[in-house]
């Protein structure tokens, strides 16, 4: 594999080596659907290249331990989420506080993150769901149940993301912190293909436990 295509991946087998300090902050980053079925350098016909490595690097620059992989094929969101939950459980078992773990997902990755929230059922975990809720989800994916400190980010010009307040209302877990941010980049769904400060910055703040975002 070429060096330029190396991906920052931390699997279960390497998690123990990450847990050297209880103060470490972890981000699980889950990318969008397009990258599942295309190579890192392939261009979306409308939005260009998914800047996955750039996004990972931006998160790593903020001194987070980033756990991520490029998914291949059209994975089942719920099944994939089970693996993430197992890794989170391992971190917690080895001394990491749940509030120092944040799961960030864009588009399909955001739906996987919602399943992680549902299955982990831990009100102290942090989640950032980006461009990953439509009103029809309440009927089409009724099993989703938000649990944790939830930040949702969506773009006004993007048809694939709207306010998820209705999902919060229907969820049975007590959510201590919930915040929504509507962006106005006029980039449609393409805003999540790049590490834009408009969504990176609030994501970093949320992962650091700063829940009083403006």
N, C-alpha and C. Protein backbone atom coordinates (compact mmCIF):
# COMPACT_ATOMS: atom_id res chain seq x y z
N UNK A 1 0.85 -1.20 0.00
CA UNK A 1 0.00 0.00 0.00
C UNK A 1 0.88 1.25 0.00
N UNK A 2 0.59 2.22 -0.84
CA UNK A 2 1.37 3.43 -0.91
C UNK A 2 1.22 4.22 0.38
N UNK A 3 2.28 4.93 0.74
CA UNK A 3 2.26 5.69 1.99
C UNK A 3 1.14 6.71 2.00
N UNK A 4 0.88 7.31 0.82
CA UNK A 4 -0.17 8.33 0.75
C UNK A 4 -1.55 7.77 1.00
N UNK A 5 -1.67 6.44 0.91
CA UNK A 5 -2.97 5.82 1.11
C UNK A 5 -3.11 5.18 2.49
N UNK A 6 -2.08 5.34 3.32
CA UNK A 6 -2.16 4.77 4.65
C UNK A 6 -3.27 5.46 5.43
N UNK A 7 -4.01 4.69 6.20
CA UNK A 7 -5.13 5.21 6.96
C UNK A 7 -4.82 5.08 8.44
N UNK A 8 -5.23 6.06 9.20
CA UNK A 8 -5.02 6.02 10.64
C UNK A 8 -6.08 5.10 11.24
N UNK A 9 -5.68 3.87 11.55
CA UNK A 9 -6.63 2.88 12.04
C UNK A 9 -6.15 2.36 13.39
N UNK A 10 -7.04 2.31 14.31
CA UNK A 10 -6.77 1.68 15.59
C UNK A 10 -7.86 0.66 15.83
N UNK A 11 -7.51 -0.63 15.83
CA UNK A 11 -8.49 -1.67 16.06
C UNK A 11 -8.41 -2.14 17.51
N UNK A 12 -9.26 -3.07 17.83
CA UNK A 12 -9.32 -3.60 19.19
C UNK A 12 -7.96 -4.05 19.68
N UNK A 13 -7.20 -4.68 18.82
CA UNK A 13 -5.93 -5.26 19.25
C UNK A 13 -4.93 -4.20 19.66
N UNK A 14 -5.12 -2.94 19.23
CA UNK A 14 -4.17 -1.89 19.59
C UNK A 14 -4.74 -0.92 20.61
N UNK A 15 -5.98 -1.14 21.03
CA UNK A 15 -6.60 -0.19 21.94
C UNK A 15 -5.85 -0.12 23.27
N UNK A 16 -5.38 -1.26 23.77
CA UNK A 16 -4.73 -1.25 25.06
C UNK A 16 -3.48 -0.38 25.07
N UNK A 17 -2.80 -0.31 23.92
CA UNK A 17 -1.60 0.51 23.84
C UNK A 17 -1.94 1.99 23.85
N UNK A 18 -3.20 2.32 23.53
CA UNK A 18 -3.61 3.72 23.53
C UNK A 18 -3.87 4.22 24.94
N UNK A 19 -4.28 3.32 25.80
CA UNK A 19 -4.74 3.73 27.12
C UNK A 19 -3.55 3.82 28.06
N UNK A 20 -2.77 4.86 27.90
CA UNK A 20 -1.60 5.06 28.74
C UNK A 20 -1.90 6.12 29.81
N UNK A 21 -2.82 7.02 29.51
CA UNK A 21 -3.19 8.05 30.45
C UNK A 21 -4.70 8.13 30.50
N UNK A 22 -5.22 8.22 31.71
CA UNK A 22 -6.67 8.27 31.86
C UNK A 22 -7.24 9.57 31.30
N UNK A 23 -6.38 10.58 31.09
CA UNK A 23 -6.85 11.87 30.60
C UNK A 23 -6.92 11.93 29.07
N UNK A 24 -6.52 10.86 28.39
CA UNK A 24 -6.59 10.86 26.93
C UNK A 24 -8.02 11.05 26.46
N UNK A 25 -8.18 11.85 25.42
CA UNK A 25 -9.49 12.05 24.79
C UNK A 25 -9.51 11.30 23.46
N UNK A 26 -10.57 10.54 23.23
CA UNK A 26 -10.68 9.71 22.04
C UNK A 26 -11.81 10.21 21.14
N UNK A 27 -11.56 10.16 19.83
CA UNK A 27 -12.61 10.41 18.84
C UNK A 27 -12.68 9.21 17.91
N UNK A 28 -13.85 8.64 17.80
CA UNK A 28 -14.14 7.65 16.76
C UNK A 28 -14.72 8.44 15.59
N UNK A 29 -14.05 8.40 14.43
CA UNK A 29 -14.58 9.13 13.28
C UNK A 29 -15.10 8.15 12.23
N UNK A 30 -16.34 8.37 11.81
CA UNK A 30 -17.02 7.50 10.85
C UNK A 30 -17.38 8.32 9.62
N UNK A 31 -16.80 7.97 8.48
CA UNK A 31 -16.95 8.79 7.27
C UNK A 31 -18.26 8.52 6.53
N UNK A 32 -18.43 9.19 5.43
CA UNK A 32 -19.68 9.14 4.64
C UNK A 32 -19.76 7.90 3.75
N UNK A 33 -20.92 7.71 3.12
CA UNK A 33 -21.15 6.52 2.30
C UNK A 33 -20.27 6.48 1.05
N UNK A 34 -20.06 7.61 0.40
CA UNK A 34 -19.33 7.63 -0.87
C UNK A 34 -17.98 6.94 -0.75
N UNK A 35 -17.29 7.19 0.36
CA UNK A 35 -15.95 6.64 0.52
C UNK A 35 -15.96 5.13 0.76
N UNK A 36 -17.11 4.58 1.15
CA UNK A 36 -17.21 3.13 1.31
C UNK A 36 -16.96 2.40 -0.01
N UNK A 37 -17.46 2.97 -1.08
CA UNK A 37 -17.47 2.28 -2.37
C UNK A 37 -16.51 2.89 -3.38
N UNK A 38 -15.65 3.82 -2.91
CA UNK A 38 -14.70 4.46 -3.81
C UNK A 38 -13.35 4.59 -3.12
N UNK A 39 -12.31 4.74 -3.92
CA UNK A 39 -10.97 4.91 -3.38
C UNK A 39 -10.79 6.31 -2.81
N UNK A 40 -9.74 6.45 -2.02
CA UNK A 40 -9.50 7.73 -1.35
C UNK A 40 -9.35 8.90 -2.32
N UNK A 41 -8.80 8.62 -3.49
CA UNK A 41 -8.55 9.71 -4.43
C UNK A 41 -9.63 9.87 -5.50
N UNK A 42 -10.70 9.07 -5.41
CA UNK A 42 -11.77 9.19 -6.41
C UNK A 42 -12.63 10.41 -6.15
N UNK A 43 -13.14 10.99 -7.24
CA UNK A 43 -13.91 12.23 -7.15
C UNK A 43 -15.41 11.95 -7.25
N UNK A 44 -16.14 12.53 -6.34
CA UNK A 44 -17.59 12.56 -6.47
C UNK A 44 -17.93 13.52 -7.60
N UNK A 45 -18.93 13.18 -8.41
CA UNK A 45 -19.24 13.98 -9.59
C UNK A 45 -19.65 15.41 -9.24
N UNK A 46 -20.19 15.61 -8.05
CA UNK A 46 -20.64 16.95 -7.65
C UNK A 46 -19.76 17.58 -6.58
N UNK A 47 -19.27 16.77 -5.64
CA UNK A 47 -18.62 17.33 -4.46
C UNK A 47 -17.12 17.13 -4.42
N UNK A 48 -16.57 16.44 -5.40
CA UNK A 48 -15.13 16.23 -5.43
C UNK A 48 -14.68 15.11 -4.51
N UNK A 49 -13.45 15.19 -4.05
CA UNK A 49 -12.84 14.14 -3.25
C UNK A 49 -13.26 14.24 -1.78
N UNK A 50 -13.50 13.10 -1.17
CA UNK A 50 -13.71 13.08 0.28
C UNK A 50 -12.36 13.25 0.95
N UNK A 51 -12.16 14.33 1.66
CA UNK A 51 -10.86 14.64 2.26
C UNK A 51 -10.73 13.94 3.62
N UNK A 52 -10.77 12.64 3.55
CA UNK A 52 -10.78 11.82 4.76
C UNK A 52 -9.51 11.99 5.60
N UNK A 53 -8.36 11.84 4.95
CA UNK A 53 -7.11 11.95 5.69
C UNK A 53 -6.92 13.34 6.26
N UNK A 54 -7.37 14.35 5.52
CA UNK A 54 -7.26 15.72 6.01
C UNK A 54 -8.14 15.93 7.25
N UNK A 55 -9.32 15.33 7.24
CA UNK A 55 -10.20 15.42 8.40
C UNK A 55 -9.56 14.73 9.61
N UNK A 56 -9.03 13.53 9.39
CA UNK A 56 -8.37 12.79 10.46
C UNK A 56 -7.20 13.60 11.03
N UNK A 57 -6.40 14.18 10.14
CA UNK A 57 -5.25 14.96 10.58
C UNK A 57 -5.67 16.18 11.38
N UNK A 58 -6.76 16.81 10.97
CA UNK A 58 -7.25 17.98 11.69
C UNK A 58 -7.67 17.61 13.12
N UNK A 59 -8.28 16.46 13.27
CA UNK A 59 -8.68 16.00 14.61
C UNK A 59 -7.46 15.63 15.43
N UNK A 60 -6.48 14.98 14.79
CA UNK A 60 -5.28 14.57 15.50
C UNK A 60 -4.45 15.78 15.94
N UNK A 61 -4.48 16.86 15.16
CA UNK A 61 -3.74 18.06 15.52
C UNK A 61 -4.23 18.65 16.83
N UNK A 62 -5.49 18.36 17.17
CA UNK A 62 -6.07 18.87 18.42
C UNK A 62 -5.81 17.93 19.60
N UNK A 63 -4.87 17.02 19.40
CA UNK A 63 -4.39 16.12 20.45
C UNK A 63 -5.43 15.09 20.88
N UNK A 64 -6.30 14.72 19.97
CA UNK A 64 -7.19 13.59 20.21
C UNK A 64 -6.54 12.32 19.68
N UNK A 65 -6.82 11.22 20.34
CA UNK A 65 -6.46 9.92 19.79
C UNK A 65 -7.63 9.51 18.88
N UNK A 66 -7.36 9.42 17.59
CA UNK A 66 -8.41 9.20 16.61
C UNK A 66 -8.47 7.74 16.22
N UNK A 67 -9.64 7.17 16.32
CA UNK A 67 -9.86 5.77 15.94
C UNK A 67 -10.78 5.79 14.72
N UNK A 68 -10.27 5.32 13.61
CA UNK A 68 -11.03 5.41 12.37
C UNK A 68 -10.50 4.40 11.37
N UNK A 69 -11.31 4.07 10.38
CA UNK A 69 -10.87 3.27 9.25
C UNK A 69 -11.71 3.62 8.04
N UNK A 70 -11.14 3.38 6.88
CA UNK A 70 -11.91 3.51 5.65
C UNK A 70 -12.71 2.23 5.47
N UNK A 71 -14.03 2.34 5.57
CA UNK A 71 -14.87 1.17 5.38
C UNK A 71 -14.90 0.80 3.90
N UNK A 72 -15.03 -0.49 3.63
CA UNK A 72 -15.11 -0.96 2.25
C UNK A 72 -16.41 -1.72 2.03
N UNK A 73 -17.07 -1.44 0.93
CA UNK A 73 -18.34 -2.09 0.64
C UNK A 73 -19.48 -1.41 1.36
N UNK A 74 -20.67 -1.82 1.03
CA UNK A 74 -21.86 -1.22 1.63
C UNK A 74 -22.16 -1.91 2.95
N UNK A 75 -21.51 -1.48 4.02
CA UNK A 75 -21.63 -2.16 5.31
C UNK A 75 -23.00 -1.92 5.92
N UNK A 76 -23.43 -2.87 6.76
CA UNK A 76 -24.66 -2.71 7.51
C UNK A 76 -24.38 -1.80 8.70
N UNK A 77 -25.14 -0.72 8.81
CA UNK A 77 -24.86 0.30 9.82
C UNK A 77 -24.94 -0.25 11.23
N UNK A 78 -25.95 -1.02 11.53
CA UNK A 78 -26.13 -1.54 12.88
C UNK A 78 -25.02 -2.55 13.22
N UNK A 79 -24.71 -3.43 12.29
CA UNK A 79 -23.67 -4.44 12.55
C UNK A 79 -22.30 -3.77 12.75
N UNK A 80 -22.04 -2.76 11.94
CA UNK A 80 -20.76 -2.07 12.09
C UNK A 80 -20.69 -1.35 13.43
N UNK A 81 -21.82 -0.81 13.86
CA UNK A 81 -21.87 -0.09 15.13
C UNK A 81 -21.54 -1.00 16.30
N UNK A 82 -21.92 -2.28 16.21
CA UNK A 82 -21.62 -3.22 17.29
C UNK A 82 -20.13 -3.29 17.54
N UNK A 83 -19.34 -3.30 16.47
CA UNK A 83 -17.89 -3.33 16.62
C UNK A 83 -17.36 -2.09 17.32
N UNK A 84 -17.94 -0.93 17.00
CA UNK A 84 -17.53 0.32 17.65
C UNK A 84 -17.87 0.27 19.14
N UNK A 85 -19.06 -0.22 19.45
CA UNK A 85 -19.48 -0.32 20.85
C UNK A 85 -18.51 -1.23 21.62
N UNK A 86 -18.08 -2.31 21.02
CA UNK A 86 -17.13 -3.22 21.68
C UNK A 86 -15.81 -2.51 21.98
N UNK A 87 -15.35 -1.68 21.05
CA UNK A 87 -14.11 -0.94 21.27
C UNK A 87 -14.29 0.09 22.38
N UNK A 88 -15.44 0.76 22.39
CA UNK A 88 -15.72 1.74 23.45
C UNK A 88 -15.75 1.05 24.80
N UNK A 89 -16.41 -0.10 24.87
CA UNK A 89 -16.46 -0.85 26.13
C UNK A 89 -15.06 -1.21 26.61
N UNK A 90 -14.17 -1.55 25.68
CA UNK A 90 -12.79 -1.89 26.04
C UNK A 90 -12.06 -0.68 26.62
N UNK A 91 -12.27 0.47 26.02
CA UNK A 91 -11.64 1.69 26.53
C UNK A 91 -12.12 1.99 27.95
N UNK A 92 -13.42 1.91 28.15
CA UNK A 92 -13.99 2.21 29.47
C UNK A 92 -13.49 1.20 30.50
N UNK A 93 -13.44 -0.06 30.11
CA UNK A 93 -12.97 -1.10 31.02
C UNK A 93 -11.53 -0.86 31.44
N UNK A 94 -10.75 -0.23 30.57
CA UNK A 94 -9.34 0.00 30.85
C UNK A 94 -9.07 1.40 31.41
N UNK A 95 -10.13 2.07 31.90
CA UNK A 95 -9.93 3.28 32.68
C UNK A 95 -10.31 4.60 32.03
N UNK A 96 -10.76 4.60 30.78
CA UNK A 96 -11.15 5.85 30.13
C UNK A 96 -12.55 6.25 30.56
N UNK A 97 -12.70 7.50 30.99
CA UNK A 97 -14.03 7.99 31.34
C UNK A 97 -14.88 8.11 30.08
N UNK A 98 -16.15 7.71 30.14
CA UNK A 98 -17.02 7.81 28.96
C UNK A 98 -17.10 9.22 28.37
N UNK A 99 -17.03 10.24 29.23
CA UNK A 99 -17.14 11.61 28.71
C UNK A 99 -15.88 12.08 27.99
N UNK A 100 -14.87 11.20 27.94
CA UNK A 100 -13.67 11.50 27.15
C UNK A 100 -13.66 10.72 25.84
N UNK A 101 -14.81 10.15 25.50
CA UNK A 101 -14.98 9.40 24.26
C UNK A 101 -16.07 10.06 23.43
N UNK A 102 -15.74 10.42 22.20
CA UNK A 102 -16.69 11.07 21.30
C UNK A 102 -16.77 10.29 20.01
N UNK A 103 -17.99 10.03 19.55
CA UNK A 103 -18.23 9.36 18.27
C UNK A 103 -18.76 10.39 17.30
N UNK A 104 -18.02 10.60 16.21
CA UNK A 104 -18.37 11.60 15.20
C UNK A 104 -18.67 10.89 13.90
N UNK A 105 -19.81 11.19 13.29
CA UNK A 105 -20.16 10.55 12.03
C UNK A 105 -20.73 11.53 11.03
N UNK A 106 -20.29 11.41 9.77
CA UNK A 106 -20.83 12.26 8.70
C UNK A 106 -21.68 11.41 7.77
N UNK A 107 -22.87 11.88 7.44
CA UNK A 107 -23.78 11.21 6.52
C UNK A 107 -24.03 9.77 6.98
N UNK A 108 -23.72 8.74 6.18
CA UNK A 108 -23.95 7.37 6.64
C UNK A 108 -23.18 7.09 7.92
N UNK A 109 -21.98 7.67 8.04
CA UNK A 109 -21.23 7.52 9.28
C UNK A 109 -22.00 8.05 10.47
N UNK A 110 -22.81 9.09 10.24
CA UNK A 110 -23.65 9.63 11.30
C UNK A 110 -24.74 8.67 11.70
N UNK A 111 -25.26 7.91 10.73
CA UNK A 111 -26.25 6.90 11.07
C UNK A 111 -25.63 5.75 11.86
N UNK A 112 -24.41 5.38 11.49
CA UNK A 112 -23.71 4.37 12.27
C UNK A 112 -23.52 4.87 13.70
N UNK A 113 -23.12 6.15 13.82
CA UNK A 113 -22.93 6.74 15.14
C UNK A 113 -24.22 6.73 15.95
N UNK A 114 -25.35 6.92 15.28
CA UNK A 114 -26.63 6.89 15.99
C UNK A 114 -26.92 5.48 16.52
N UNK A 115 -26.56 4.47 15.77
CA UNK A 115 -26.69 3.10 16.26
C UNK A 115 -25.75 2.85 17.44
N UNK A 116 -24.55 3.43 17.39
CA UNK A 116 -23.63 3.31 18.52
C UNK A 116 -24.27 3.92 19.76
N UNK A 117 -24.85 5.10 19.60
CA UNK A 117 -25.53 5.76 20.71
C UNK A 117 -26.63 4.88 21.27
N UNK A 118 -27.41 4.27 20.38
CA UNK A 118 -28.52 3.41 20.78
C UNK A 118 -28.03 2.17 21.52
N UNK A 119 -27.04 1.49 20.96
CA UNK A 119 -26.58 0.21 21.50
C UNK A 119 -25.72 0.38 22.75
N UNK A 120 -24.90 1.41 22.79
CA UNK A 120 -24.06 1.66 23.97
C UNK A 120 -24.92 2.07 25.16
N UNK A 121 -25.95 2.86 24.89
CA UNK A 121 -26.91 3.26 25.92
C UNK A 121 -26.20 3.85 27.14
N UNK A 122 -25.23 4.71 26.86
CA UNK A 122 -24.43 5.31 27.93
C UNK A 122 -24.62 6.83 27.88
N UNK A 123 -25.29 7.43 28.84
CA UNK A 123 -25.59 8.86 28.80
C UNK A 123 -24.38 9.76 28.92
N UNK A 124 -23.21 9.19 29.23
CA UNK A 124 -22.01 10.01 29.42
C UNK A 124 -21.10 10.07 28.20
N UNK A 125 -21.39 9.29 27.17
CA UNK A 125 -20.62 9.36 25.93
C UNK A 125 -21.01 10.61 25.15
N UNK A 126 -20.10 11.09 24.30
CA UNK A 126 -20.37 12.25 23.44
C UNK A 126 -20.59 11.79 22.01
N UNK A 127 -21.51 12.46 21.32
CA UNK A 127 -21.80 12.12 19.93
C UNK A 127 -21.97 13.40 19.11
N UNK A 128 -21.46 13.35 17.87
CA UNK A 128 -21.69 14.42 16.90
C UNK A 128 -22.22 13.77 15.63
N UNK A 129 -23.48 14.05 15.33
CA UNK A 129 -24.14 13.52 14.13
C UNK A 129 -24.19 14.63 13.08
N UNK A 130 -23.55 14.39 11.95
CA UNK A 130 -23.41 15.44 10.93
C UNK A 130 -24.13 15.02 9.66
N UNK A 131 -25.09 15.85 9.23
CA UNK A 131 -25.85 15.60 8.00
C UNK A 131 -26.40 14.19 7.97
N UNK A 132 -27.08 13.80 9.04
CA UNK A 132 -27.52 12.40 9.13
C UNK A 132 -28.87 12.25 9.82
N UNK A 133 -29.79 13.14 9.48
CA UNK A 133 -31.15 12.94 9.96
C UNK A 133 -32.12 13.57 8.97
N UNK A 134 -33.16 12.80 8.65
CA UNK A 134 -34.29 13.32 7.88
C UNK A 134 -35.57 13.00 8.65
N UNK A 135 -36.58 13.79 8.46
CA UNK A 135 -37.82 13.62 9.21
C UNK A 135 -38.40 12.22 9.04
N UNK A 136 -38.22 11.63 7.87
CA UNK A 136 -38.76 10.29 7.60
C UNK A 136 -38.07 9.20 8.43
N UNK A 137 -36.93 9.53 9.04
CA UNK A 137 -36.21 8.53 9.84
C UNK A 137 -37.05 8.04 11.02
N UNK A 138 -37.90 8.88 11.54
CA UNK A 138 -38.71 8.49 12.69
C UNK A 138 -39.56 7.27 12.35
N UNK A 139 -40.09 7.26 11.14
CA UNK A 139 -40.90 6.12 10.71
C UNK A 139 -40.04 5.00 10.13
N UNK A 140 -38.99 5.37 9.39
CA UNK A 140 -38.20 4.37 8.68
C UNK A 140 -37.15 3.67 9.54
N UNK A 141 -36.67 4.34 10.57
CA UNK A 141 -35.66 3.74 11.46
C UNK A 141 -36.12 3.95 12.90
N UNK A 142 -37.21 3.33 13.28
CA UNK A 142 -37.78 3.59 14.61
C UNK A 142 -36.93 3.08 15.77
N UNK A 143 -35.98 2.18 15.49
CA UNK A 143 -35.19 1.59 16.57
C UNK A 143 -34.11 2.50 17.12
N UNK A 144 -33.82 3.61 16.41
CA UNK A 144 -32.80 4.53 16.89
C UNK A 144 -33.29 5.24 18.15
N UNK A 145 -32.45 5.25 19.16
CA UNK A 145 -32.78 5.89 20.43
C UNK A 145 -31.54 6.66 20.90
N UNK A 146 -31.59 7.98 20.79
CA UNK A 146 -30.43 8.78 21.18
C UNK A 146 -30.13 8.60 22.66
N UNK A 147 -28.84 8.43 22.98
CA UNK A 147 -28.39 8.38 24.36
C UNK A 147 -26.97 8.92 24.41
N UNK A 148 -26.72 9.88 25.29
CA UNK A 148 -25.41 10.51 25.38
C UNK A 148 -25.55 12.02 25.28
N UNK A 149 -24.44 12.70 25.20
CA UNK A 149 -24.42 14.14 24.95
C UNK A 149 -24.40 14.33 23.44
N UNK A 150 -25.48 14.89 22.92
CA UNK A 150 -25.72 14.86 21.47
C UNK A 150 -25.56 16.25 20.85
N UNK A 151 -24.68 16.35 19.84
CA UNK A 151 -24.59 17.53 18.98
C UNK A 151 -24.94 17.10 17.57
N UNK A 152 -25.90 17.78 16.96
CA UNK A 152 -26.20 17.52 15.55
C UNK A 152 -25.85 18.76 14.74
N UNK A 153 -25.25 18.53 13.58
CA UNK A 153 -24.86 19.61 12.67
C UNK A 153 -25.44 19.31 11.30
N UNK A 154 -26.14 20.27 10.74
CA UNK A 154 -26.71 20.08 9.41
C UNK A 154 -26.61 21.38 8.62
N UNK A 155 -26.66 21.25 7.31
CA UNK A 155 -26.49 22.37 6.38
C UNK A 155 -27.84 22.74 5.78
N UNK A 156 -28.15 24.02 5.81
CA UNK A 156 -29.45 24.50 5.34
C UNK A 156 -29.73 24.12 3.89
N UNK A 157 -28.69 24.08 3.05
CA UNK A 157 -28.87 23.78 1.63
C UNK A 157 -28.80 22.29 1.32
N UNK A 158 -28.67 21.47 2.36
CA UNK A 158 -28.50 20.02 2.18
C UNK A 158 -29.83 19.30 2.41
N UNK A 159 -30.36 18.61 1.41
CA UNK A 159 -31.63 17.90 1.59
C UNK A 159 -31.51 16.66 2.47
N UNK A 160 -30.29 16.25 2.76
CA UNK A 160 -30.09 15.02 3.54
C UNK A 160 -29.81 15.27 5.01
N UNK A 161 -30.10 16.46 5.46
CA UNK A 161 -29.90 16.75 6.88
C UNK A 161 -30.80 17.87 7.34
N UNK A 162 -31.58 17.61 8.39
CA UNK A 162 -32.45 18.63 8.98
C UNK A 162 -32.34 18.51 10.50
N UNK A 163 -33.06 19.34 11.20
CA UNK A 163 -33.08 19.27 12.66
C UNK A 163 -33.54 17.89 13.13
N UNK A 164 -32.83 17.37 14.14
CA UNK A 164 -33.17 16.06 14.69
C UNK A 164 -33.89 16.18 16.04
N UNK A 165 -34.45 17.34 16.31
CA UNK A 165 -35.12 17.55 17.59
C UNK A 165 -36.23 16.52 17.82
N UNK A 166 -36.92 16.14 16.76
CA UNK A 166 -37.99 15.15 16.91
C UNK A 166 -37.44 13.83 17.42
N UNK A 167 -36.24 13.45 16.97
CA UNK A 167 -35.65 12.20 17.45
C UNK A 167 -35.30 12.30 18.94
N UNK A 168 -34.82 13.45 19.36
CA UNK A 168 -34.53 13.64 20.78
C UNK A 168 -35.81 13.45 21.60
N UNK A 169 -36.90 14.00 21.10
CA UNK A 169 -38.17 13.93 21.83
C UNK A 169 -38.66 12.49 21.95
N UNK A 170 -38.45 11.70 20.90
CA UNK A 170 -38.94 10.32 20.92
C UNK A 170 -37.99 9.36 21.63
N UNK A 171 -36.77 9.81 21.94
CA UNK A 171 -35.79 8.94 22.60
C UNK A 171 -36.09 8.85 24.09
N UNK A 172 -35.88 7.67 24.66
CA UNK A 172 -36.23 7.41 26.06
C UNK A 172 -35.09 7.67 27.03
N UNK A 173 -33.86 7.75 26.54
CA UNK A 173 -32.70 8.01 27.40
C UNK A 173 -32.70 9.49 27.82
N UNK A 174 -32.35 9.74 29.06
CA UNK A 174 -32.25 11.13 29.53
C UNK A 174 -30.98 11.75 28.96
N UNK A 175 -31.15 12.77 28.14
CA UNK A 175 -30.02 13.42 27.47
C UNK A 175 -29.66 14.69 28.22
N UNK A 176 -28.47 14.70 28.80
CA UNK A 176 -28.06 15.84 29.63
C UNK A 176 -27.72 17.07 28.78
N UNK A 177 -27.10 16.84 27.64
CA UNK A 177 -26.69 17.94 26.79
C UNK A 177 -27.11 17.65 25.35
N UNK A 178 -27.84 18.57 24.75
CA UNK A 178 -28.30 18.43 23.36
C UNK A 178 -28.19 19.79 22.70
N UNK A 179 -27.57 19.80 21.52
CA UNK A 179 -27.38 21.06 20.79
C UNK A 179 -27.47 20.79 19.29
N UNK A 180 -28.04 21.74 18.57
CA UNK A 180 -28.09 21.64 17.11
C UNK A 180 -27.49 22.90 16.50
N UNK A 181 -26.76 22.69 15.39
CA UNK A 181 -26.17 23.81 14.66
C UNK A 181 -26.58 23.70 13.20
N UNK A 182 -27.19 24.74 12.69
CA UNK A 182 -27.54 24.81 11.27
C UNK A 182 -26.50 25.67 10.56
N UNK A 183 -25.83 25.09 9.58
CA UNK A 183 -24.82 25.81 8.81
C UNK A 183 -25.44 26.46 7.58
N UNK A 184 -24.73 27.45 7.04
CA UNK A 184 -25.18 28.13 5.82
C UNK A 184 -24.01 28.30 4.87
N UNK A 185 -23.39 27.18 4.50
CA UNK A 185 -22.25 27.22 3.59
C UNK A 185 -22.68 27.26 2.13
N UNK A 186 -23.93 26.91 1.87
CA UNK A 186 -24.46 26.81 0.51
C UNK A 186 -23.72 25.77 -0.32
N UNK A 187 -23.15 24.78 0.36
CA UNK A 187 -22.39 23.72 -0.32
C UNK A 187 -23.19 22.43 -0.43
N UNK A 188 -24.44 22.44 0.00
CA UNK A 188 -25.24 21.23 -0.04
C UNK A 188 -24.59 20.13 0.80
N UNK A 189 -24.75 18.87 0.35
CA UNK A 189 -24.19 17.75 1.09
C UNK A 189 -22.66 17.73 1.03
N UNK A 190 -22.10 18.51 0.13
CA UNK A 190 -20.65 18.52 -0.05
C UNK A 190 -19.88 19.15 1.09
N UNK A 191 -20.57 19.84 2.00
CA UNK A 191 -19.85 20.51 3.09
C UNK A 191 -19.10 19.51 3.96
N UNK A 192 -19.59 18.26 4.04
CA UNK A 192 -18.95 17.29 4.92
C UNK A 192 -17.78 16.55 4.25
N UNK A 193 -17.56 16.84 2.96
CA UNK A 193 -16.43 16.22 2.26
C UNK A 193 -15.11 16.87 2.64
N UNK A 194 -15.17 18.02 3.32
CA UNK A 194 -13.96 18.77 3.64
C UNK A 194 -13.92 19.08 5.14
N UNK A 195 -12.73 19.25 5.70
CA UNK A 195 -12.62 19.59 7.13
C UNK A 195 -12.89 21.08 7.37
N UNK A 196 -14.10 21.51 7.05
CA UNK A 196 -14.44 22.91 7.20
C UNK A 196 -14.48 23.28 8.69
N UNK A 197 -13.97 24.46 8.99
CA UNK A 197 -13.99 24.92 10.38
C UNK A 197 -15.41 25.05 10.90
N UNK A 198 -16.39 25.24 10.00
CA UNK A 198 -17.78 25.40 10.43
C UNK A 198 -18.30 24.18 11.17
N UNK A 199 -17.80 22.99 10.82
CA UNK A 199 -18.24 21.81 11.58
C UNK A 199 -17.12 21.19 12.41
N UNK A 200 -15.87 21.39 12.00
CA UNK A 200 -14.75 20.86 12.78
C UNK A 200 -14.66 21.54 14.14
N UNK A 201 -14.77 22.86 14.17
CA UNK A 201 -14.59 23.59 15.42
C UNK A 201 -15.63 23.22 16.48
N UNK A 202 -16.93 23.24 16.16
CA UNK A 202 -17.89 22.81 17.20
C UNK A 202 -17.74 21.34 17.59
N UNK A 203 -17.30 20.51 16.65
CA UNK A 203 -17.04 19.11 16.98
C UNK A 203 -15.93 18.99 18.02
N UNK A 204 -14.86 19.74 17.83
CA UNK A 204 -13.74 19.74 18.78
C UNK A 204 -14.21 20.24 20.15
N UNK A 205 -14.98 21.32 20.14
CA UNK A 205 -15.48 21.86 21.41
C UNK A 205 -16.32 20.83 22.15
N UNK A 206 -17.20 20.16 21.42
CA UNK A 206 -18.08 19.17 22.02
C UNK A 206 -17.27 18.00 22.59
N UNK A 207 -16.28 17.56 21.84
CA UNK A 207 -15.45 16.45 22.30
C UNK A 207 -14.63 16.82 23.53
N UNK A 208 -14.37 18.10 23.71
CA UNK A 208 -13.66 18.58 24.89
C UNK A 208 -14.58 18.86 26.07
N UNK A 209 -15.87 18.56 25.90
CA UNK A 209 -16.81 18.74 26.99
C UNK A 209 -17.36 20.14 27.12
N UNK A 210 -17.15 20.97 26.09
CA UNK A 210 -17.69 22.33 26.11
C UNK A 210 -19.07 22.32 25.47
N UNK A 211 -20.08 22.09 26.27
CA UNK A 211 -21.44 21.86 25.76
C UNK A 211 -22.25 23.14 25.57
N UNK A 212 -21.70 24.26 26.01
CA UNK A 212 -22.43 25.54 25.89
C UNK A 212 -22.01 26.28 24.62
N UNK A 213 -22.23 25.64 23.49
CA UNK A 213 -21.86 26.25 22.21
C UNK A 213 -22.82 27.37 21.86
N UNK A 214 -22.28 28.39 21.23
CA UNK A 214 -23.12 29.52 20.80
C UNK A 214 -23.81 29.17 19.49
